[in-house]
């Protein structure tokens, strides 16, 4: 899991305990699941700009939000439906090692 390499393993584990359902997706599908309402949150470790540029526009147009949290290597990308964005980022940041 790339989120562990970025220093967010505890935060991702804590989020996993709080969700109704958890799925693993390839990066592009995960972002578009958020954009279309199939998912409320997608977190990806070690995302590059080319991984998030196009999906970010779609998610923001749909009312969601995407941000990058700093990490050990390339950071953590967090995409949400917008309403959950700050609580998800807070959990991740408060558990960062």
Protein backbone atom coordinates (compact mmCIF):
# COMPACT_ATOMS: atom_id res chain seq x y z
CA UNK A 1 0.00 0.00 0.00
CA UNK A 2 1.59 3.26 -1.14
CA UNK A 3 -0.13 5.29 1.59
CA UNK A 4 2.11 3.49 4.10
CA UNK A 5 5.22 4.63 2.26
CA UNK A 6 3.95 8.19 2.47
CA UNK A 7 3.54 8.00 6.26
CA UNK A 8 -0.25 7.70 6.40
CA UNK A 9 -0.76 4.00 7.20
CA UNK A 10 -2.34 4.70 10.60
CA UNK A 11 -4.70 7.28 9.11
CA UNK A 12 -5.79 5.00 6.28
CA UNK A 13 -6.31 2.17 8.78
CA UNK A 14 -8.45 4.45 10.94
CA UNK A 15 -10.54 5.51 7.93
CA UNK A 16 -10.98 1.87 6.92
CA UNK A 17 -12.49 1.12 10.33
CA UNK A 18 -15.07 3.90 9.91
CA UNK A 19 -16.41 3.18 6.43
CA UNK A 20 -19.39 1.07 5.45
CA UNK A 21 -17.66 -0.55 2.52
CA UNK A 22 -14.08 -0.57 1.30
CA UNK A 23 -12.90 -1.37 -2.21
CA UNK A 24 -9.58 -1.30 -4.00
CA UNK A 25 -9.59 0.45 -7.37
CA UNK A 26 -7.05 1.36 -9.98
CA UNK A 27 -6.29 5.05 -9.68
CA UNK A 28 -8.36 6.40 -12.56
CA UNK A 29 -11.44 4.36 -11.74
CA UNK A 30 -11.31 5.43 -8.10
CA UNK A 31 -11.31 9.12 -8.98
CA UNK A 32 -14.18 8.76 -11.40
CA UNK A 33 -16.13 6.69 -8.86
CA UNK A 34 -16.01 9.78 -6.63
CA UNK A 35 -16.92 12.10 -9.52
CA UNK A 36 -19.99 10.03 -10.42
CA UNK A 37 -21.15 9.37 -6.86
CA UNK A 38 -20.27 5.66 -6.77
CA UNK A 39 -17.78 6.38 -3.98
CA UNK A 40 -17.56 9.13 -1.38
CA UNK A 41 -13.81 8.99 -0.78
CA UNK A 42 -10.75 7.81 -2.70
CA UNK A 43 -7.26 7.94 -1.21
CA UNK A 44 -4.15 7.19 -3.23
CA UNK A 45 -0.54 7.20 -2.16
CA UNK A 46 2.31 8.23 -4.40
CA UNK A 47 0.06 9.88 -7.00
CA UNK A 48 1.69 11.97 -9.71
CA UNK A 49 0.23 15.05 -11.39
CA UNK A 50 -0.62 13.02 -14.50
CA UNK A 51 -2.66 10.67 -12.30
CA UNK A 52 -4.87 13.40 -10.87
CA UNK A 53 -5.06 16.31 -13.34
CA UNK A 54 -8.01 15.17 -15.46
CA UNK A 55 -9.99 13.47 -12.66
CA UNK A 56 -9.61 16.57 -10.45
CA UNK A 57 -11.46 18.70 -13.00
CA UNK A 58 -14.29 16.16 -13.17
CA UNK A 59 -14.57 15.76 -9.41
CA UNK A 60 -14.58 19.50 -8.76
CA UNK A 61 -17.16 20.06 -11.49
CA UNK A 62 -19.37 17.48 -9.76
CA UNK A 63 -19.05 19.33 -6.43
CA UNK A 64 -16.26 17.25 -4.92
CA UNK A 65 -12.79 18.17 -3.82
CA UNK A 66 -9.28 16.84 -4.42
CA UNK A 67 -6.17 17.76 -2.47
CA UNK A 68 -2.67 16.50 -1.95
CA UNK A 69 -1.25 15.89 1.50
CA UNK A 70 2.52 16.04 1.91
CA UNK A 71 4.35 12.76 2.33
CA UNK A 72 7.73 11.13 2.45
CA UNK A 73 8.01 10.71 -1.31
CA UNK A 74 5.21 12.09 -3.47
CA UNK A 75 2.39 12.62 -0.99
CA UNK A 76 -1.15 11.37 -0.66
CA UNK A 77 -4.02 12.32 -2.96
CA UNK A 78 -7.44 12.63 -1.31
CA UNK A 79 -10.60 12.87 -3.43
CA UNK A 80 -14.00 13.21 -1.78
CA UNK A 81 -17.59 14.19 -2.42
CA UNK A 82 -16.76 17.57 -0.86
CA UNK A 83 -18.80 17.19 2.32
CA UNK A 84 -16.41 14.61 3.76
CA UNK A 85 -13.20 16.26 2.61
CA UNK A 86 -12.09 18.06 5.76
CA UNK A 87 -12.97 15.21 8.16
CA UNK A 88 -11.09 12.70 5.98
CA UNK A 89 -8.03 14.96 5.71
CA UNK A 90 -8.13 15.58 9.47
CA UNK A 91 -8.07 11.84 10.22
CA UNK A 92 -5.20 11.27 7.82
CA UNK A 93 -3.13 14.22 9.04
CA UNK A 94 -3.72 13.52 12.75
CA UNK A 95 -2.47 9.96 12.35
CA UNK A 96 0.58 10.72 10.22
CA UNK A 97 3.86 9.40 11.56
